[in-house]
Structure formats: structure tokens, C-alpha cells
Amino acid sequence: MVPLSALWLPILIAAVLVFVVSSIIHMFLGYHKADVKAVPNEAAVADALRKFDVPPGDYVIPHAGSSAAMKSPEYQEKLAKGPVWFMTVLPKGPITMGSSLVQWFLYCVLVAVFAAYVSGRALPPGAHYLTVFRFAGATAFAGFGLALLQNSIWWKRNWGATLRGVFDALIYAGLTAGALGWRWPSA
């Protein structure tokens, strides 16, 4: 068993590697460009919605309010008539990345902590690199990727975007596993 306190360096190395590689993926590789689409006649749709001054939050159109209401003919008619939307409204103004980048880095640290914890409970000091890689990689993949599937299952997010995110998770898991395996304490 390896205490978590002995794994802080590989945890931080893993988080930095994932942060840097994810930045490269999203800024330069371009395969996430198809994740979202523009609304047809965007200006007219934005003008129509602007007058409602919808506060930031997550919304659904139409909104039933209860499972009983979802069975009503009125709700079924709204679904048939459309539009049917799951929508996230952000605050007005420029989109700043600073807070999101800090949160993403902290999330990378959190996933690495869990991967280190599971690996540290299962493996002794001096464990073989590939053994550490397997434990840490499986745990990190679960942390980075598996929850993304829920977005397509429940919120109808584009499966292509979700699967591209899961592919990224596989890369991030490999980086996390590699850092932990590389800096695993010796016996």
C-alpha cells in the first residue's frame, strides 16, 4: 500500500500534463468543432429570446413540471409542435475562460487524486509500471469519461460530441496513468 501523501508529485504532474494536452486538443486539433451547431437564423432567434431576459440556468422547453403532466394531451401537443430544447443560458457579456480553466485544472487534480488513491490502496511501493498504469488508467478513465455518456442519454447531447469527449478521456487517462507509473515510489 502506498499512502496518498507519497503520490503528490505524480498527481500534480498528471494534472499539468492533462491540462496542457487538453488545451492543445481544443485549440489546435479542431476535431471538437462539430460539437455544437449554430441555430438557423441565429440573429432572429436571439432577438426573439432577448426580450424575455432569461436568467442564467438550465432549461427545458416544453417544461412539464411533473411526470403526471408529461402524460397530458397538452404537453404531448407541445412536444409534437416543437421546439423541444434543453438549453443552458450563460450570463450576459463576454465569455471569460479564466474561471473555467482553474476549475478544469482542479478537476484534473481531483481525478489524479482518485487514480492515485485506488492505485495506492491496491499496489505496493515498487509495483511494476504497467501494473500501476492499468489501475490508474482505468480509474482516471472512469473519472474523465464515463459520466459524459449521461449527457447523451438524458440530455440528448450529440453522440458524436460525447464520443469525442470519451476519446479525449482515454488520452487524459493515459497521461494520468503514465505520470503515476513513472513516478511510483520504489520499494
Foldseek 3Di string as FASTA:
>chain_A
DADLVLCPVLLLQLLVVLLVVVCCCVPPVPPLVPQDDADVVNVVVCVVCVVVVDDFDWDWPPDQPDPVSCPDPVNVVSVVVDDTATDGDDDDDDDDCVVVSVVSSVLSSVLLSQLCVQLRVVDDAADALVSLLVSSLVSQLCSQADVLVVCCVPVVRDVSSNVVSSVSSNVSSNSSSNSCSVSGHHD
